[in-house]
Structure formats: C-alpha cells, structure tokens
Amino acid sequence: MVMFVMIFLFSLGFRAALLPSVGAIFFFILYPAAVTFRDYFWSMDTLAEQLRNFCIANSKCHCCSTGHPDRSVPCDREIVLRCIRRWFGSEKTFEDTVRALLPSLFAEQLGRFGFPYWLLLVATCPML
C-alpha cells in the first residue's frame, strides 16, 4: 500500500512532497507498532522475572483478599495447597518444577526470539 502511494506520487512529479508524506505515513504506521512491540517484550520480561522468582506463598487468592466473608465456603488457598502437596509431594517441589519447567515451555512456544513467526507475519501484514 505504501509503495503504491510512493510510486503514484513519484510518477506525478511530486518528488518534493514525497519525502514528508512517506515520513508521515511511516510514522503513523510504525510508531504504534513499535509501542505495541515494546509493551509485548516488557510483558515477556515481566513474565520471565515472575517465573524465576515464583513462590507459592506470594500468590494471592480471592477469598483471602476479601477476608473470608463466607465461612461456609472453604479457603481456595488451602484447597490448592492440599492438591499441590498431593500431586508434587511438597510446595518446594512444585515451586522448583515451575521455575525449571515453565520458562523452557514458554521459550519453546514463543520461538528463538520470544516472538512467534506467525505473529510477526500478522503484525507486518498491513505493510506488505
């Protein structure tokens, strides 16, 4: 699309108007894309940091954050911790598994550069 506009303007002899118009087009197309990519990679860094420092004691649950208003409903944290102990043997084993396994699974899903190739194609499709 951008190339067609540039060729059209160039063929009409608007060489002087070509550079500012192309600059404006690229700015309005590429700046939002750069902001989006920056936010994406920031969130990926945040996720990697959270996985490296994962601790079940720092996790939050809704019932504990509201102060357990309904005592007839069992605490979410107690149920989850009981399941973790049954499945993994201990909370430490679960935390070690999360720290060791999940980062490699995310890296495998996201590709070598932390951004899947198919998503790169979708993101650059308007510029093709």
Foldseek 3Di string as FASTA:
>chain_A
DLVVVLVVCVVVVVPVVNVVVSVVVCCVLVVVVVVVVVVLVVVVVVVLVCLQPPDLVPDDDDCVVVPNPDVVDDDPSVVVQVVCCVVQVHRVSVSVCSSPPVVVVQCVVQDDPNHNPVVVCVSCVVVD
